[in-house]
C-alpha cells in the first residue's frame, strides 16, 4: 500500500484524548492530527519522536492531518511503526488481491463487514468455489517490549476477546474461522500480551484450541508505504 501523497514529517508533542495528537512540523507550525488508534500505544509516544502524517483530502474533516507512522526506539533498534489502525484491513485486502497472502490461498473473494455471532461484524468473509466460507478477523499489532517479539493487545481489549469467542462458536457450529494479525513493524515472532490482558489471552488460546486458525504477518514499512511481507511464528 503506497501512500497517495508524500507524508509530512513532524515531531510528536503529545497524544491525548485517545484520538488526538499535537505535532510540530519542520517549519515550527503546531498542528493537531487525528490518531486512529484506541490503544495505549506503549513505547510509541516519546515526546520529540519523528512522525509522518498524511494530509486529509475530505473538505468535511475537522482535522487536516492523520498520524500514520512513528519512528520508535524499540528493543531491537529504531524502526518505523504503523500506528493507524484503519490500515490493516486495507493491507489484507490488497495482499489478498495480489495473491500474496498464503493464509487465504484457494479463496477467490473477500466480502467485508459481514454480520455474525453476538451482534458482531467479521472483518471479511472469504469465499470461493469448492471452499467453505471462512470468517476472517483482522487485528492490528504494534507493541514490542522484547527484541523481535510482537504482542497484542497493548491494553485491555474486551471487544477483541469477544471476537475470539464468536469465532470459536463459528468453528463449533461446523464453519471455518481465522485471525490475521497484521504486525505494522518488523518482528520475528508473535505472542499475546498475556500480562496486559489475561482475559484476551484466555479467549485467544481457547479459540485456537477450538480450531480457529491464527496467522501473523509482519510488514515492511518506509515513508512511501506499507507492505505485508511474510508470516512469522505465533506462540
Foldseek 3Di string as FASTA:
>chain_A
DFDPDFWFKWWWAFDPPQFWTWTQGPVRDIFIATQQANAPCPQFTDGGWIWTWDADDDPPDPGGIHTFWTFGQFQQGTDIFGRHFVCPLVQVVVCVVVVNDVVLPPFDDWDAFPAFDPRGTAGTWTHDVPDFIEGEHEAEWEDGHHAQEIEDDRAADVVLLVVLVRQLVCVVVPGAYEYEYEYRTGHAEYEYPCVRYVSSNVSNVVSVVSPYYYWYWYWDDDSGDIHTDDTHYYD
